[in-house]
Amino acid sequence: MIRKTAYWRHFFSNLRVPKEDRTFSFLTTNALKTAEHALIRLLQRQCFPDEWKRLQSVAKGSRLRWFQPMLSSNDNVIQIGGWLGQSTLHDNFKHPILLPGAHQLSTLLLASYHL
């Protein structure tokens, strides 16, 4: 799914530029990572719409408030904050991306990393 998204993003970006400036190259790792983050953003906006809108002040009744969610500065995806931020781990481990548990895309993303 990530590869298909990356190809679609590449296709649509080629449509926006003149024919002589279009690129017909293989997918890069950066394009795949960008496509993955685009899918995660879409998933988070669908499953956590209220939290996405008011991420600065998560409501007291929100199921996410215990995770101290925050918006990543470079990818605009919701990440988990909290006490892991004090560790010496890399930022990807300190602030994991928040995914809904009962969504098919979450299952596919996790399977791609753990299988």
PDB file of N, CA and C in Angstrom:
ATOM      1  N   MET A   1       0.821  -1.184   0.000  1.00  0.00           N
ATOM      2  CA  MET A   1       0.000   0.000   0.000  1.00  0.00           C
ATOM      3  C   MET A   1       0.876   1.264   0.000  1.00  0.00           C
ATOM      4  N   ILE A   2       1.999   1.196   0.701  1.00  0.00           N
ATOM      5  CA  ILE A   2       2.893   2.356   0.758  1.00  0.00           C
ATOM      6  C   ILE A   2       3.485   2.631  -0.617  1.00  0.00           C
ATOM      7  N   ARG A   3       3.895   1.556  -1.310  1.00  0.00           N
ATOM      8  CA  ARG A   3       4.465   1.738  -2.649  1.00  0.00           C
ATOM      9  C   ARG A   3       3.442   2.334  -3.618  1.00  0.00           C
ATOM     10  N   LYS A   4       2.216   1.836  -3.553  1.00  0.00           N
ATOM     11  CA  LYS A   4       1.172   2.364  -4.443  1.00  0.00           C
ATOM     12  C   LYS A   4       0.919   3.837  -4.153  1.00  0.00           C
ATOM     13  N   THR A   5       0.892   4.189  -2.888  1.00  0.00           N
ATOM     14  CA  THR A   5       0.702   5.594  -2.518  1.00  0.00           C
ATOM     15  C   THR A   5       1.864   6.441  -3.020  1.00  0.00           C
ATOM     16  N   ALA A   6       3.077   5.927  -2.887  1.00  0.00           N
ATOM     17  CA  ALA A   6       4.251   6.670  -3.361  1.00  0.00           C
ATOM     18  C   ALA A   6       4.196   6.870  -4.875  1.00  0.00           C
ATOM     19  N   TYR A   7       3.786   5.829  -5.606  1.00  0.00           N
ATOM     20  CA  TYR A   7       3.659   5.971  -7.061  1.00  0.00           C
ATOM     21  C   TYR A   7       2.584   6.989  -7.431  1.00  0.00           C
ATOM     22  N   TRP A   8       1.449   6.964  -6.734  1.00  0.00           N
ATOM     23  CA  TRP A   8       0.395   7.943  -7.006  1.00  0.00           C
ATOM     24  C   TRP A   8       0.877   9.356  -6.712  1.00  0.00           C
ATOM     25  N   ARG A   9       1.575   9.532  -5.602  1.00  0.00           N
ATOM     26  CA  ARG A   9       2.089  10.862  -5.265  1.00  0.00           C
ATOM     27  C   ARG A   9       3.081  11.338  -6.329  1.00  0.00           C
ATOM     28  N   HIS A  10       3.929  10.422  -6.802  1.00  0.00           N
ATOM     29  CA  HIS A  10       4.897  10.758  -7.847  1.00  0.00           C
ATOM     30  C   HIS A  10       4.170  11.112  -9.149  1.00  0.00           C
ATOM     31  N   PHE A  11       3.151  10.338  -9.485  1.00  0.00           N
ATOM     32  CA  PHE A  11       2.362  10.588 -10.693  1.00  0.00           C
ATOM     33  C   PHE A  11       1.706  11.966 -10.642  1.00  0.00           C
ATOM     34  N   PHE A  12       1.058  12.282  -9.509  1.00  0.00           N
ATOM     35  CA  PHE A  12       0.377  13.574  -9.395  1.00  0.00           C
ATOM     36  C   PHE A  12       1.356  14.742  -9.338  1.00  0.00           C
ATOM     37  N   SER A  13       2.527  14.533  -8.764  1.00  0.00           N
ATOM     38  CA  SER A  13       3.509  15.625  -8.764  1.00  0.00           C
ATOM     39  C   SER A  13       4.034  15.862 -10.174  1.00  0.00           C
ATOM     40  N   ASN A  14       4.120  14.802 -10.986  1.00  0.00           N
ATOM     41  CA  ASN A  14       4.524  14.970 -12.381  1.00  0.00           C
ATOM     42  C   ASN A  14       3.465  15.708 -13.189  1.00  0.00           C
ATOM     43  N   LEU A  15       2.208  15.552 -12.837  1.00  0.00           N
ATOM     44  CA  LEU A  15       1.144  16.252 -13.559  1.00  0.00           C
ATOM     45  C   LEU A  15       1.193  17.757 -13.335  1.00  0.00           C
ATOM     46  N   ARG A  16       1.766  18.178 -12.224  1.00  0.00           N
ATOM     47  CA  ARG A  16       1.799  19.602 -11.875  1.00  0.00           C
ATOM     48  C   ARG A  16       2.923  20.373 -12.568  1.00  0.00           C
ATOM     49  N   VAL A  17       3.865  19.667 -13.157  1.00  0.00           N
ATOM     50  CA  VAL A  17       5.007  20.344 -13.783  1.00  0.00           C
ATOM     51  C   VAL A  17       4.933  20.182 -15.300  1.00  0.00           C
ATOM     52  N   PRO A  18       5.610  21.048 -16.046  1.00  0.00           N
ATOM     53  CA  PRO A  18       5.632  20.906 -17.506  1.00  0.00           C
ATOM     54  C   PRO A  18       6.261  19.573 -17.929  1.00  0.00           C
ATOM     55  N   LYS A  19       5.930  19.116 -19.120  1.00  0.00           N
ATOM     56  CA  LYS A  19       6.400  17.810 -19.595  1.00  0.00           C
ATOM     57  C   LYS A  19       7.915  17.679 -19.558  1.00  0.00           C
ATOM     58  N   GLU A  20       8.613  18.739 -19.896  1.00  0.00           N
ATOM     59  CA  GLU A  20      10.076  18.646 -19.945  1.00  0.00           C
ATOM     60  C   GLU A  20      10.712  18.540 -18.555  1.00  0.00           C
ATOM     61  N   ASP A  21       9.979  18.881 -17.515  1.00  0.00           N
ATOM     62  CA  ASP A  21      10.513  18.806 -16.150  1.00  0.00           C
ATOM     63  C   ASP A  21      10.071  17.549 -15.399  1.00  0.00           C
ATOM     64  N   ARG A  22       9.319  16.675 -16.037  1.00  0.00           N
ATOM     65  CA  ARG A  22       8.823  15.476 -15.362  1.00  0.00           C
ATOM     66  C   ARG A  22       9.948  14.463 -15.163  1.00  0.00           C
ATOM     67  N   THR A  23       9.849  13.717 -14.071  1.00  0.00           N
ATOM     68  CA  THR A  23      10.853  12.693 -13.774  1.00  0.00           C
ATOM     69  C   THR A  23      10.214  11.317 -13.879  1.00  0.00           C
ATOM     70  N   PHE A  24      10.975  10.380 -14.394  1.00  0.00           N
ATOM     71  CA  PHE A  24      10.514   9.005 -14.548  1.00  0.00           C
ATOM     72  C   PHE A  24      11.543   8.074 -13.924  1.00  0.00           C
ATOM     73  N   SER A  25      11.723   8.215 -12.639  1.00  0.00           N
ATOM     74  CA  SER A  25      12.734   7.430 -11.943  1.00  0.00           C
ATOM     75  C   SER A  25      12.080   6.425 -11.003  1.00  0.00           C
ATOM     76  N   PHE A  26      12.915   5.605 -10.406  1.00  0.00           N
ATOM     77  CA  PHE A  26      12.438   4.653  -9.414  1.00  0.00           C
ATOM     78  C   PHE A  26      12.108   5.387  -8.126  1.00  0.00           C
ATOM     79  N   LEU A  27      11.340   4.731  -7.278  1.00  0.00           N
ATOM     80  CA  LEU A  27      10.998   5.323  -5.986  1.00  0.00           C
ATOM     81  C   LEU A  27      12.220   5.347  -5.078  1.00  0.00           C
ATOM     82  N   THR A  28      12.367   6.430  -4.362  1.00  0.00           N
ATOM     83  CA  THR A  28      13.452   6.543  -3.394  1.00  0.00           C
ATOM     84  C   THR A  28      12.935   6.174  -2.010  1.00  0.00           C
ATOM     85  N   THR A  29      13.849   5.961  -1.088  1.00  0.00           N
ATOM     86  CA  THR A  29      13.433   5.669   0.287  1.00  0.00           C
ATOM     87  C   THR A  29      12.729   6.871   0.895  1.00  0.00           C
ATOM     88  N   ASN A  30      13.149   8.059   0.496  1.00  0.00           N
ATOM     89  CA  ASN A  30      12.496   9.274   0.984  1.00  0.00           C
ATOM     90  C   ASN A  30      11.049   9.351   0.489  1.00  0.00           C
ATOM     91  N   ALA A  31      10.813   8.974  -0.757  1.00  0.00           N
ATOM     92  CA  ALA A  31       9.449   8.978  -1.302  1.00  0.00           C
ATOM     93  C   ALA A  31       8.578   7.952  -0.587  1.00  0.00           C
ATOM     94  N   LEU A  32       9.147   6.803  -0.256  1.00  0.00           N
ATOM     95  CA  LEU A  32       8.392   5.781   0.473  1.00  0.00           C
ATOM     96  C   LEU A  32       8.061   6.243   1.886  1.00  0.00           C
ATOM     97  N   LYS A  33       9.005   6.890   2.551  1.00  0.00           N
ATOM     98  CA  LYS A  33       8.767   7.387   3.911  1.00  0.00           C
ATOM     99  C   LYS A  33       7.723   8.499   3.891  1.00  0.00           C
ATOM    100  N   THR A  34       7.775   9.373   2.891  1.00  0.00           N
ATOM    101  CA  THR A  34       6.787  10.441   2.760  1.00  0.00           C
ATOM    102  C   THR A  34       5.395   9.862   2.513  1.00  0.00           C
ATOM    103  N   ALA A  35       5.310   8.836   1.686  1.00  0.00           N
ATOM    104  CA  ALA A  35       4.024   8.188   1.419  1.00  0.00           C
ATOM    105  C   ALA A  35       3.479   7.518   2.677  1.00  0.00           C
ATOM    106  N   GLU A  36       4.362   6.892   3.447  1.00  0.00           N
ATOM    107  CA  GLU A  36       3.934   6.251   4.691  1.00  0.00           C
ATOM    108  C   GLU A  36       3.375   7.279   5.667  1.00  0.00           C
ATOM    109  N   HIS A  37       4.049   8.407   5.804  1.00  0.00           N
ATOM    110  CA  HIS A  37       3.573   9.458   6.706  1.00  0.00           C
ATOM    111  C   HIS A  37       2.276  10.091   6.197  1.00  0.00           C
ATOM    112  N   ALA A  38       2.105  10.166   4.884  1.00  0.00           N
ATOM    113  CA  ALA A  38       0.843  10.680   4.336  1.00  0.00           C
ATOM    114  C   ALA A  38      -0.311   9.743   4.685  1.00  0.00           C
ATOM    115  N   LEU A  39      -0.074   8.437   4.605  1.00  0.00           N
ATOM    116  CA  LEU A  39      -1.107   7.468   4.984  1.00  0.00           C
ATOM    117  C   LEU A  39      -1.416   7.542   6.477  1.00  0.00           C
ATOM    118  N   ILE A  40      -0.383   7.713   7.285  1.00  0.00           N
ATOM    119  CA  ILE A  40      -0.579   7.806   8.736  1.00  0.00           C
ATOM    120  C   ILE A  40      -1.365   9.064   9.087  1.00  0.00           C
ATOM    121  N   ARG A  41      -1.038  10.193   8.442  1.00  0.00           N
ATOM    122  CA  ARG A  41      -1.794  11.431   8.682  1.00  0.00           C
ATOM    123  C   ARG A  41      -3.267  11.248   8.336  1.00  0.00           C
ATOM    124  N   LEU A  42      -3.534  10.626   7.194  1.00  0.00           N
ATOM    125  CA  LEU A  42      -4.911  10.370   6.775  1.00  0.00           C
ATOM    126  C   LEU A  42      -5.629   9.481   7.786  1.00  0.00           C
ATOM    127  N   LEU A  43      -4.966   8.441   8.222  1.00  0.00           N
ATOM    128  CA  LEU A  43      -5.539   7.521   9.197  1.00  0.00           C
ATOM    129  C   LEU A  43      -5.835   8.226  10.517  1.00  0.00           C
ATOM    130  N   GLN A  44      -4.904   9.030  10.988  1.00  0.00           N
ATOM    131  CA  GLN A  44      -5.099   9.739  12.252  1.00  0.00           C
ATOM    132  C   GLN A  44      -6.229  10.758  12.149  1.00  0.00           C
ATOM    133  N   ARG A  45      -6.325  11.433  11.037  1.00  0.00           N
ATOM    134  CA  ARG A  45      -7.405  12.422  10.874  1.00  0.00           C
ATOM    135  C   ARG A  45      -8.770  11.753  10.814  1.00  0.00           C
ATOM    136  N   GLN A  46      -8.824  10.530  10.290  1.00  0.00           N
ATOM    137  CA  GLN A  46     -10.091   9.803  10.247  1.00  0.00           C
ATOM    138  C   GLN A  46     -10.465   9.252  11.615  1.00  0.00           C
ATOM    139  N   CYS A  47      -9.508   8.713  12.335  1.00  0.00           N
ATOM    140  CA  CYS A  47      -9.810   8.011  13.587  1.00  0.00           C
ATOM    141  C   CYS A  47      -9.772   8.906  14.821  1.00  0.00           C
ATOM    142  N   PHE A  48      -9.022   9.993  14.773  1.00  0.00           N
ATOM    143  CA  PHE A  48      -8.921  10.908  15.917  1.00  0.00           C
ATOM    144  C   PHE A  48      -9.218  12.344  15.480  1.00  0.00           C
ATOM    145  N   PRO A  49     -10.392  12.625  14.891  1.00  0.00           N
ATOM    146  CA  PRO A  49     -10.637  13.963  14.340  1.00  0.00           C
ATOM    147  C   PRO A  49     -10.670  15.064  15.393  1.00  0.00           C
ATOM    148  N   ASP A  50     -11.277  14.803  16.544  1.00  0.00           N
ATOM    149  CA  ASP A  50     -11.352  15.839  17.578  1.00  0.00           C
ATOM    150  C   ASP A  50      -9.980  16.146  18.153  1.00  0.00           C
ATOM    151  N   GLU A  51      -9.193  15.112  18.408  1.00  0.00           N
ATOM    152  CA  GLU A  51      -7.859  15.311  18.962  1.00  0.00           C
ATOM    153  C   GLU A  51      -6.959  16.037  17.965  1.00  0.00           C
ATOM    154  N   TRP A  52      -7.157  15.739  16.680  1.00  0.00           N
ATOM    155  CA  TRP A  52      -6.355  16.399  15.648  1.00  0.00           C
ATOM    156  C   TRP A  52      -6.632  17.902  15.639  1.00  0.00           C
ATOM    157  N   LYS A  53      -7.908  18.277  15.793  1.00  0.00           N
ATOM    158  CA  LYS A  53      -8.283  19.694  15.746  1.00  0.00           C
ATOM    159  C   LYS A  53      -7.742  20.464  16.941  1.00  0.00           C
ATOM    160  N   ARG A  54      -7.811  19.870  18.118  1.00  0.00           N
ATOM    161  CA  ARG A  54      -7.357  20.598  19.310  1.00  0.00           C
ATOM    162  C   ARG A  54      -6.233  19.843  19.992  1.00  0.00           C
ATOM    163  N   LEU A  55      -5.183  19.662  19.257  1.00  0.00           N
ATOM    164  CA  LEU A  55      -4.058  18.899  19.780  1.00  0.00           C
ATOM    165  C   LEU A  55      -3.344  19.622  20.906  1.00  0.00           C
ATOM    166  N   GLN A  56      -3.393  20.919  20.923  1.00  0.00           N
ATOM    167  CA  GLN A  56      -2.709  21.670  21.973  1.00  0.00           C
ATOM    168  C   GLN A  56      -3.358  21.440  23.332  1.00  0.00           C
ATOM    169  N   SER A  57      -4.671  21.278  23.369  1.00  0.00           N
ATOM    170  CA  SER A  57      -5.360  21.034  24.638  1.00  0.00           C
ATOM    171  C   SER A  57      -6.337  19.878  24.453  1.00  0.00           C
ATOM    172  N   VAL A  58      -5.879  18.684  24.723  1.00  0.00           N
ATOM    173  CA  VAL A  58      -6.706  17.498  24.567  1.00  0.00           C
ATOM    174  C   VAL A  58      -7.761  17.491  25.669  1.00  0.00           C
ATOM    175  N   ALA A  59      -8.993  17.200  25.303  1.00  0.00           N
ATOM    176  CA  ALA A  59     -10.110  17.226  26.253  1.00  0.00           C
ATOM    177  C   ALA A  59      -9.904  16.213  27.379  1.00  0.00           C
ATOM    178  N   LYS A  60     -10.428  16.522  28.559  1.00  0.00           N
ATOM    179  CA  LYS A  60     -10.270  15.639  29.720  1.00  0.00           C
ATOM    180  C   LYS A  60     -10.901  14.275  29.492  1.00  0.00           C
ATOM    181  N   GLY A  61     -11.945  14.222  28.706  1.00  0.00           N
ATOM    182  CA  GLY A  61     -12.619  12.953  28.447  1.00  0.00           C
ATOM    183  C   GLY A  61     -12.031  12.162  27.292  1.00  0.00           C
ATOM    184  N   SER A  62     -11.004  12.682  26.643  1.00  0.00           N
ATOM    185  CA  SER A  62     -10.425  12.015  25.485  1.00  0.00           C
ATOM    186  C   SER A  62      -9.692  10.745  25.901  1.00  0.00           C
ATOM    187  N   ARG A  63      -9.809   9.730  25.068  1.00  0.00           N
ATOM    188  CA  ARG A  63      -9.105   8.481  25.357  1.00  0.00           C
ATOM    189  C   ARG A  63      -7.600   8.602  25.120  1.00  0.00           C
ATOM    190  N   LEU A  64      -7.173   9.694  24.495  1.00  0.00           N
ATOM    191  CA  LEU A  64      -5.754   9.874  24.195  1.00  0.00           C
ATOM    192  C   LEU A  64      -5.007  10.727  25.219  1.00  0.00           C
ATOM    193  N   ARG A  65      -5.701  11.336  26.151  1.00  0.00           N
ATOM    194  CA  ARG A  65      -5.029  12.313  27.019  1.00  0.00           C
ATOM    195  C   ARG A  65      -3.929  11.693  27.861  1.00  0.00           C
ATOM    196  N   TRP A  66      -4.026  10.414  28.203  1.00  0.00           N
ATOM    197  CA  TRP A  66      -2.989   9.771  29.019  1.00  0.00           C
ATOM    198  C   TRP A  66      -1.697   9.577  28.237  1.00  0.00           C
ATOM    199  N   PHE A  67      -1.782   9.628  26.928  1.00  0.00           N
ATOM    200  CA  PHE A  67      -0.593   9.471  26.093  1.00  0.00           C
ATOM    201  C   PHE A  67       0.138  10.786  25.864  1.00  0.00           C
ATOM    202  N   GLN A  68      -0.425  11.882  26.298  1.00  0.00           N
ATOM    203  CA  GLN A  68       0.122  13.225  26.090  1.00  0.00           C
ATOM    204  C   GLN A  68       0.498  13.430  24.616  1.00  0.00           C
ATOM    205  N   PRO A  69      -0.498  13.370  23.722  1.00  0.00           N
ATOM    206  CA  PRO A  69      -0.210  13.451  22.292  1.00  0.00           C
ATOM    207  C   PRO A  69       0.358  14.806  21.892  1.00  0.00           C
ATOM    208  N   MET A  70       1.185  14.770  20.859  1.00  0.00           N
ATOM    209  CA  MET A  70       1.776  15.990  20.319  1.00  0.00           C
ATOM    210  C   MET A  70       1.900  15.820  18.815  1.00  0.00           C
ATOM    211  N   LEU A  71       1.974  16.926  18.115  1.00  0.00           N
ATOM    212  CA  LEU A  71       2.110  16.914  16.666  1.00  0.00           C
ATOM    213  C   LEU A  71       3.588  17.015  16.330  1.00  0.00           C
ATOM    214  N   SER A  72       4.100  16.083  15.531  1.00  0.00           N
ATOM    215  CA  SER A  72       5.520  16.123  15.175  1.00  0.00           C
ATOM    216  C   SER A  72       5.798  17.354  14.329  1.00  0.00           C
ATOM    217  N   SER A  73       6.967  17.903  14.496  1.00  0.00           N
ATOM    218  CA  SER A  73       7.296  19.164  13.832  1.00  0.00           C
ATOM    219  C   SER A  73       7.551  19.001  12.340  1.00  0.00           C
ATOM    220  N   ASN A  74       8.071  17.858  11.919  1.00  0.00           N
ATOM    221  CA  ASN A  74       8.438  17.741  10.510  1.00  0.00           C
ATOM    222  C   ASN A  74       7.452  16.926   9.674  1.00  0.00           C
ATOM    223  N   ASP A  75       6.673  16.015  10.285  1.00  0.00           N
ATOM    224  CA  ASP A  75       5.797  15.145   9.505  1.00  0.00           C
ATOM    225  C   ASP A  75       4.314  15.420   9.694  1.00  0.00           C
ATOM    226  N   ASN A  76       3.964  16.224  10.705  1.00  0.00           N
ATOM    227  CA  ASN A  76       2.563  16.511  11.032  1.00  0.00           C
ATOM    228  C   ASN A  76       1.759  15.248  11.311  1.00  0.00           C
ATOM    229  N   VAL A  77       2.338  14.322  12.066  1.00  0.00           N
ATOM    230  CA  VAL A  77       1.616  13.147  12.531  1.00  0.00           C
ATOM    231  C   VAL A  77       1.544  13.208  14.051  1.00  0.00           C
ATOM    232  N   ILE A  78       0.518  12.590  14.624  1.00  0.00           N
ATOM    233  CA  ILE A  78       0.358  12.594  16.073  1.00  0.00           C
ATOM    234  C   ILE A  78       1.304  11.561  16.674  1.00  0.00           C
ATOM    235  N   GLN A  79       2.103  12.017  17.638  1.00  0.00           N
ATOM    236  CA  GLN A  79       3.033  11.139  18.330  1.00  0.00           C
ATOM    237  C   GLN A  79       2.724  11.138  19.817  1.00  0.00           C
ATOM    238  N   ILE A  80       3.213  10.124  20.508  1.00  0.00           N
ATOM    239  CA  ILE A  80       3.012  10.005  21.943  1.00  0.00           C
ATOM    240  C   ILE A  80       4.119  10.761  22.660  1.00  0.00           C
ATOM    241  N   GLY A  81       3.732  11.590  23.622  1.00  0.00           N
ATOM    242  CA  GLY A  81       4.709  12.310  24.438  1.00  0.00           C
ATOM    243  C   GLY A  81       4.908  11.590  25.750  1.00  0.00           C
ATOM    244  N   GLY A  82       5.212  12.327  26.787  1.00  0.00           N
ATOM    245  CA  GLY A  82       5.294  11.741  28.120  1.00  0.00           C
ATOM    246  C   GLY A  82       6.706  11.490  28.592  1.00  0.00           C
ATOM    247  N   TRP A  83       6.817  10.565  29.545  1.00  0.00           N
ATOM    248  CA  TRP A  83       8.082  10.344  30.237  1.00  0.00           C
ATOM    249  C   TRP A  83       9.170   9.780  29.343  1.00  0.00           C
ATOM    250  N   LEU A  84       8.847   9.147  28.229  1.00  0.00           N
ATOM    251  CA  LEU A  84       9.884   8.652  27.324  1.00  0.00           C
ATOM    252  C   LEU A  84      10.704   9.790  26.729  1.00  0.00           C
ATOM    253  N   GLY A  85      10.153  10.990  26.715  1.00  0.00           N
ATOM    254  CA  GLY A  85      10.879  12.147  26.200  1.00  0.00           C
ATOM    255  C   GLY A  85      12.130  12.469  26.993  1.00  0.00           C
ATOM    256  N   GLN A  86      12.219  11.980  28.223  1.00  0.00           N
ATOM    257  CA  GLN A  86      13.389  12.222  29.063  1.00  0.00           C
ATOM    258  C   GLN A  86      14.507  11.210  28.821  1.00  0.00           C
ATOM    259  N   SER A  87      14.237  10.180  28.031  1.00  0.00           N
ATOM    260  CA  SER A  87      15.234   9.129  27.828  1.00  0.00           C
ATOM    261  C   SER A  87      16.286   9.566  26.813  1.00  0.00           C
ATOM    262  N   THR A  88      17.314   8.746  26.669  1.00  0.00           N
ATOM    263  CA  THR A  88      18.396   9.033  25.726  1.00  0.00           C
ATOM    264  C   THR A  88      18.181   8.321  24.393  1.00  0.00           C
ATOM    265  N   LEU A  89      17.005   7.763  24.201  1.00  0.00           N
ATOM    266  CA  LEU A  89      16.695   7.064  22.958  1.00  0.00           C
ATOM    267  C   LEU A  89      16.573   8.044  21.796  1.00  0.00           C
ATOM    268  N   HIS A  90      16.634   7.511  20.582  1.00  0.00           N
ATOM    269  CA  HIS A  90      16.403   8.317  19.380  1.00  0.00           C
ATOM    270  C   HIS A  90      14.961   8.818  19.405  1.00  0.00           C
ATOM    271  N   ASP A  91      14.699   9.960  18.768  1.00  0.00           N
ATOM    272  CA  ASP A  91      13.364  10.573  18.795  1.00  0.00           C
ATOM    273  C   ASP A  91      12.264   9.642  18.292  1.00  0.00           C
ATOM    274  N   ASN A  92      12.580   8.782  17.324  1.00  0.00           N
ATOM    275  CA  ASN A  92      11.564   7.848  16.823  1.00  0.00           C
ATOM    276  C   ASN A  92      11.114   6.874  17.907  1.00  0.00           C
ATOM    277  N   PHE A  93      12.000   6.563  18.844  1.00  0.00           N
ATOM    278  CA  PHE A  93      11.645   5.660  19.937  1.00  0.00           C
ATOM    279  C   PHE A  93      11.059   6.424  21.119  1.00  0.00           C
ATOM    280  N   LYS A  94      11.492   7.662  21.303  1.00  0.00           N
ATOM    281  CA  LYS A  94      10.962   8.483  22.396  1.00  0.00           C
ATOM    282  C   LYS A  94       9.500   8.828  22.168  1.00  0.00           C
ATOM    283  N   HIS A  95       9.166   9.118  20.935  1.00  0.00           N
ATOM    284  CA  HIS A  95       7.823   9.590  20.592  1.00  0.00           C
ATOM    285  C   HIS A  95       7.249   8.742  19.454  1.00  0.00           C
ATOM    286  N   PRO A  96       6.757   7.532  19.763  1.00  0.00           N
ATOM    287  CA  PRO A  96       6.197   6.687  18.699  1.00  0.00           C
ATOM    288  C   PRO A  96       4.932   7.294  18.104  1.00  0.00           C
ATOM    289  N   ILE A  97       4.666   6.942  16.864  1.00  0.00           N
ATOM    290  CA  ILE A  97       3.485   7.431  16.157  1.00  0.00           C
ATOM    291  C   ILE A  97       2.249   6.730  16.708  1.00  0.00           C
ATOM    292  N   LEU A  98       1.201   7.483  16.899  1.00  0.00           N
ATOM    293  CA  LEU A  98      -0.050   6.960  17.445  1.00  0.00           C
ATOM    294  C   LEU A  98      -0.909   6.398  16.316  1.00  0.00           C
ATOM    295  N   LEU A  99      -1.268   5.120  16.423  1.00  0.00           N
ATOM    296  CA  LEU A  99      -2.121   4.456  15.440  1.00  0.00           C
ATOM    297  C   LEU A  99      -3.340   3.870  16.137  1.00  0.00           C
ATOM    298  N   PRO A 100      -4.509   3.912  15.499  1.00  0.00           N
ATOM    299  CA  PRO A 100      -5.683   3.272  16.099  1.00  0.00           C
ATOM    300  C   PRO A 100      -5.532   1.750  16.047  1.00  0.00           C
ATOM    301  N   GLY A 101      -5.958   1.091  17.097  1.00  0.00           N
ATOM    302  CA  GLY A 101      -5.746  -0.347  17.190  1.00  0.00           C
ATOM    303  C   GLY A 101      -6.619  -1.184  16.279  1.00  0.00           C
ATOM    304  N   ALA A 102      -7.822  -0.753  16.009  1.00  0.00           N
ATOM    305  CA  ALA A 102      -8.776  -1.591  15.278  1.00  0.00           C
ATOM    306  C   ALA A 102      -8.971  -1.139  13.841  1.00  0.00           C
ATOM    307  N   HIS A 103      -7.915  -0.678  13.202  1.00  0.00           N
ATOM    308  CA  HIS A 103      -8.035  -0.214  11.821  1.00  0.00           C
ATOM    309  C   HIS A 103      -7.183  -1.109  10.929  1.00  0.00           C
ATOM    310  N   GLN A 104      -7.682  -1.411   9.740  1.00  0.00           N
ATOM    311  CA  GLN A 104      -6.974  -2.309   8.834  1.00  0.00           C
ATOM    312  C   GLN A 104      -5.627  -1.731   8.397  1.00  0.00           C
ATOM    313  N   LEU A 105      -5.554  -0.429   8.175  1.00  0.00           N
ATOM    314  CA  LEU A 105      -4.291   0.181   7.771  1.00  0.00           C
ATOM    315  C   LEU A 105      -3.251   0.063   8.882  1.00  0.00           C
ATOM    316  N   SER A 106      -3.658   0.188  10.133  1.00  0.00           N
ATOM    317  CA  SER A 106      -2.730  -0.003  11.257  1.00  0.00           C
ATOM    318  C   SER A 106      -2.164  -1.414  11.238  1.00  0.00           C
ATOM    319  N   THR A 107      -3.030  -2.381  11.001  1.00  0.00           N
ATOM    320  CA  THR A 107      -2.594  -3.777  10.945  1.00  0.00           C
ATOM    321  C   THR A 107      -1.599  -3.989   9.817  1.00  0.00           C
ATOM    322  N   LEU A 108      -1.869  -3.409   8.651  1.00  0.00           N
ATOM    323  CA  LEU A 108      -0.960  -3.557   7.508  1.00  0.00           C
ATOM    324  C   LEU A 108       0.387  -2.889   7.766  1.00  0.00           C
ATOM    325  N   LEU A 109       0.371  -1.690   8.367  1.00  0.00           N
ATOM    326  CA  LEU A 109       1.625  -1.003   8.667  1.00  0.00           C
ATOM    327  C   LEU A 109       2.459  -1.785   9.671  1.00  0.00           C
ATOM    328  N   LEU A 110       1.825  -2.281  10.719  1.00  0.00           N
ATOM    329  CA  LEU A 110       2.555  -3.060  11.720  1.00  0.00           C
ATOM    330  C   LEU A 110       3.072  -4.365  11.137  1.00  0.00           C
ATOM    331  N   ALA A 111       2.294  -5.005  10.296  1.00  0.00           N
ATOM    332  CA  ALA A 111       2.736  -6.254   9.674  1.00  0.00           C
ATOM    333  C   ALA A 111       3.938  -6.024   8.766  1.00  0.00           C
ATOM    334  N   SER A 112       3.992  -4.872   8.101  1.00  0.00           N
ATOM    335  CA  SER A 112       5.127  -4.598   7.214  1.00  0.00           C
ATOM    336  C   SER A 112       6.425  -4.432   7.994  1.00  0.00           C
ATOM    337  N   TYR A 113       6.345  -4.033   9.254  1.00  0.00           N
ATOM    338  CA  TYR A 113       7.538  -3.865  10.077  1.00  0.00           C
ATOM    339  C   TYR A 113       7.892  -5.124  10.862  1.00  0.00           C
ATOM    340  N   HIS A 114       6.909  -5.930  11.211  1.00  0.00           N
ATOM    341  CA  HIS A 114       7.161  -7.036  12.120  1.00  0.00           C
ATOM    342  C   HIS A 114       7.129  -8.414  11.473  1.00  0.00           C
ATOM    343  N   LEU A 115       6.937  -8.483  10.191  1.00  0.00           N
ATOM    344  CA  LEU A 115       6.956  -9.792   9.524  1.00  0.00           C
ATOM    345  C   LEU A 115       8.116  -9.910   8.593  1.00  0.00           C
TER     346      LEU A 115
END
